[in-house]
Amino acid sequence: MKQKKQDVGSNSFTRHIGTTVYQVKVFFDESAETSAEDKLMHLISNDLSIGKSNNSNCE
């Protein structure tokens, strides 16, 4: 599955995955109490903990 990424603007991009084209618009709330970095770290942490629980089921 080949992926192509094309920048559209500073707050959006398109991604081609197979025959489907996705246009992604990115925005952050300026008045948010948590930073974008904090939110990304939270997502990564959740993915890692889900991965660990899935791996333990395979043993």
N, C-alpha and C. Protein backbone atom coordinates (compact mmCIF):
# COMPACT_ATOMS: atom_id res chain seq x y z
N MET A 1 0.85 -1.17 0.00
CA MET A 1 0.00 0.00 0.00
C MET A 1 0.90 1.24 0.00
N LYS A 2 0.97 1.92 -1.12
CA LYS A 2 1.83 3.08 -1.24
C LYS A 2 1.08 4.33 -0.80
N GLN A 3 1.78 5.17 -0.03
CA GLN A 3 1.17 6.40 0.47
C GLN A 3 1.91 7.60 -0.11
N LYS A 4 1.17 8.60 -0.56
CA LYS A 4 1.75 9.85 -1.02
C LYS A 4 1.22 10.98 -0.16
N LYS A 5 2.08 11.90 0.19
CA LYS A 5 1.66 13.04 1.00
C LYS A 5 1.93 14.31 0.21
N GLN A 6 0.94 15.19 0.16
CA GLN A 6 1.08 16.44 -0.56
C GLN A 6 0.61 17.57 0.36
N ASP A 7 1.48 18.57 0.58
CA ASP A 7 1.10 19.71 1.40
C ASP A 7 0.15 20.61 0.63
N VAL A 8 -0.95 20.98 1.28
CA VAL A 8 -1.94 21.86 0.66
C VAL A 8 -1.78 23.26 1.22
N GLY A 9 -1.58 23.39 2.50
CA GLY A 9 -1.40 24.68 3.16
C GLY A 9 -0.77 24.45 4.51
N SER A 10 -0.69 25.48 5.29
CA SER A 10 -0.05 25.35 6.60
C SER A 10 -0.91 24.55 7.57
N ASN A 11 -2.20 24.46 7.33
CA ASN A 11 -3.07 23.75 8.27
C ASN A 11 -3.79 22.55 7.67
N SER A 12 -3.37 22.11 6.49
CA SER A 12 -4.01 20.93 5.90
C SER A 12 -3.05 20.23 4.94
N PHE A 13 -3.36 18.97 4.67
CA PHE A 13 -2.59 18.20 3.69
C PHE A 13 -3.48 17.11 3.14
N THR A 14 -3.09 16.57 2.00
CA THR A 14 -3.80 15.43 1.43
C THR A 14 -2.89 14.23 1.48
N ARG A 15 -3.51 13.05 1.60
CA ARG A 15 -2.76 11.80 1.61
C ARG A 15 -3.48 10.82 0.72
N HIS A 16 -2.73 10.20 -0.18
CA HIS A 16 -3.27 9.18 -1.08
C HIS A 16 -2.89 7.83 -0.52
N ILE A 17 -3.88 7.03 -0.17
CA ILE A 17 -3.65 5.66 0.30
C ILE A 17 -4.45 4.75 -0.62
N GLY A 18 -3.74 4.02 -1.45
CA GLY A 18 -4.41 3.20 -2.45
C GLY A 18 -5.12 4.11 -3.44
N THR A 19 -6.40 3.87 -3.65
CA THR A 19 -7.17 4.70 -4.57
C THR A 19 -7.99 5.76 -3.84
N THR A 20 -7.82 5.86 -2.52
CA THR A 20 -8.57 6.82 -1.73
C THR A 20 -7.71 8.04 -1.44
N VAL A 21 -8.31 9.23 -1.55
CA VAL A 21 -7.61 10.47 -1.26
C VAL A 21 -8.23 11.09 -0.02
N TYR A 22 -7.40 11.35 1.00
CA TYR A 22 -7.86 11.96 2.24
C TYR A 22 -7.33 13.39 2.31
N GLN A 23 -8.19 14.34 2.65
CA GLN A 23 -7.74 15.70 2.90
C GLN A 23 -7.90 15.94 4.40
N VAL A 24 -6.80 16.24 5.06
CA VAL A 24 -6.78 16.38 6.50
C VAL A 24 -6.55 17.85 6.85
N LYS A 25 -7.43 18.39 7.66
CA LYS A 25 -7.27 19.76 8.15
C LYS A 25 -6.91 19.70 9.62
N VAL A 26 -5.87 20.42 10.00
CA VAL A 26 -5.34 20.38 11.34
C VAL A 26 -5.56 21.73 12.01
N PHE A 27 -6.03 21.70 13.26
CA PHE A 27 -6.18 22.95 13.99
C PHE A 27 -6.03 22.66 15.47
N PHE A 28 -5.62 23.66 16.22
CA PHE A 28 -5.47 23.55 17.66
C PHE A 28 -6.16 24.73 18.31
N ASP A 29 -6.80 24.47 19.41
CA ASP A 29 -7.47 25.51 20.17
C ASP A 29 -6.43 26.33 20.93
N GLU A 30 -6.33 27.60 20.61
CA GLU A 30 -5.34 28.48 21.24
C GLU A 30 -5.57 28.61 22.75
N SER A 31 -6.80 28.44 23.21
CA SER A 31 -7.10 28.61 24.63
C SER A 31 -7.10 27.28 25.39
N ALA A 32 -6.62 26.21 24.75
CA ALA A 32 -6.60 24.89 25.38
C ALA A 32 -5.65 24.88 26.58
N GLU A 33 -5.98 24.08 27.58
CA GLU A 33 -5.15 23.98 28.78
C GLU A 33 -3.96 23.05 28.57
N THR A 34 -4.04 22.13 27.61
CA THR A 34 -2.92 21.24 27.32
C THR A 34 -2.34 21.58 25.95
N SER A 35 -1.06 21.37 25.79
CA SER A 35 -0.38 21.69 24.53
C SER A 35 -0.57 20.55 23.53
N ALA A 36 -0.26 20.84 22.29
CA ALA A 36 -0.33 19.81 21.25
C ALA A 36 0.64 18.68 21.58
N GLU A 37 1.81 19.02 22.12
CA GLU A 37 2.79 18.01 22.49
C GLU A 37 2.23 17.09 23.58
N ASP A 38 1.55 17.67 24.58
CA ASP A 38 0.94 16.86 25.64
C ASP A 38 -0.11 15.90 25.06
N LYS A 39 -0.90 16.39 24.14
CA LYS A 39 -1.94 15.56 23.53
C LYS A 39 -1.32 14.42 22.73
N LEU A 40 -0.26 14.70 21.97
CA LEU A 40 0.40 13.66 21.20
C LEU A 40 1.04 12.62 22.11
N MET A 41 1.67 13.07 23.19
CA MET A 41 2.27 12.13 24.13
C MET A 41 1.21 11.23 24.76
N HIS A 42 0.03 11.79 25.03
CA HIS A 42 -1.08 11.01 25.58
C HIS A 42 -1.52 9.93 24.58
N LEU A 43 -1.64 10.31 23.29
CA LEU A 43 -2.02 9.34 22.27
C LEU A 43 -0.99 8.23 22.14
N ILE A 44 0.29 8.60 22.14
CA ILE A 44 1.36 7.61 22.03
C ILE A 44 1.35 6.68 23.23
N SER A 45 1.17 7.24 24.40
CA SER A 45 1.13 6.44 25.62
C SER A 45 -0.02 5.44 25.58
N ASN A 46 -1.18 5.89 25.13
CA ASN A 46 -2.34 4.99 25.02
C ASN A 46 -2.07 3.88 24.01
N ASP A 47 -1.47 4.21 22.87
CA ASP A 47 -1.17 3.20 21.86
C ASP A 47 -0.19 2.16 22.41
N LEU A 48 0.80 2.61 23.17
CA LEU A 48 1.78 1.68 23.73
C LEU A 48 1.13 0.77 24.75
N SER A 49 0.25 1.30 25.59
CA SER A 49 -0.38 0.46 26.60
C SER A 49 -1.35 -0.53 25.96
N ILE A 50 -2.02 -0.14 24.89
CA ILE A 50 -2.91 -1.06 24.17
C ILE A 50 -2.08 -2.16 23.52
N GLY A 51 -0.94 -1.79 22.96
CA GLY A 51 -0.05 -2.77 22.33
C GLY A 51 0.46 -3.78 23.33
N LYS A 52 0.80 -3.34 24.54
CA LYS A 52 1.29 -4.25 25.57
C LYS A 52 0.20 -5.23 25.97
N SER A 53 -1.04 -4.75 26.13
CA SER A 53 -2.12 -5.65 26.53
C SER A 53 -2.45 -6.63 25.43
N ASN A 54 -2.35 -6.22 24.16
CA ASN A 54 -2.59 -7.14 23.05
C ASN A 54 -1.50 -8.19 22.97
N ASN A 55 -0.24 -7.82 23.24
CA ASN A 55 0.87 -8.77 23.19
C ASN A 55 0.77 -9.79 24.31
N SER A 56 0.29 -9.39 25.48
CA SER A 56 0.19 -10.32 26.60
C SER A 56 -0.89 -11.37 26.36
N ASN A 57 -1.89 -11.04 25.54
CA ASN A 57 -2.94 -12.01 25.21
C ASN A 57 -2.43 -13.09 24.27
N CYS A 58 -1.35 -12.80 23.52
CA CYS A 58 -0.82 -13.75 22.55
C CYS A 58 0.03 -14.82 23.21
N GLU A 59 0.50 -14.61 24.42
CA GLU A 59 1.42 -15.56 25.06
C GLU A 59 0.72 -16.74 25.65
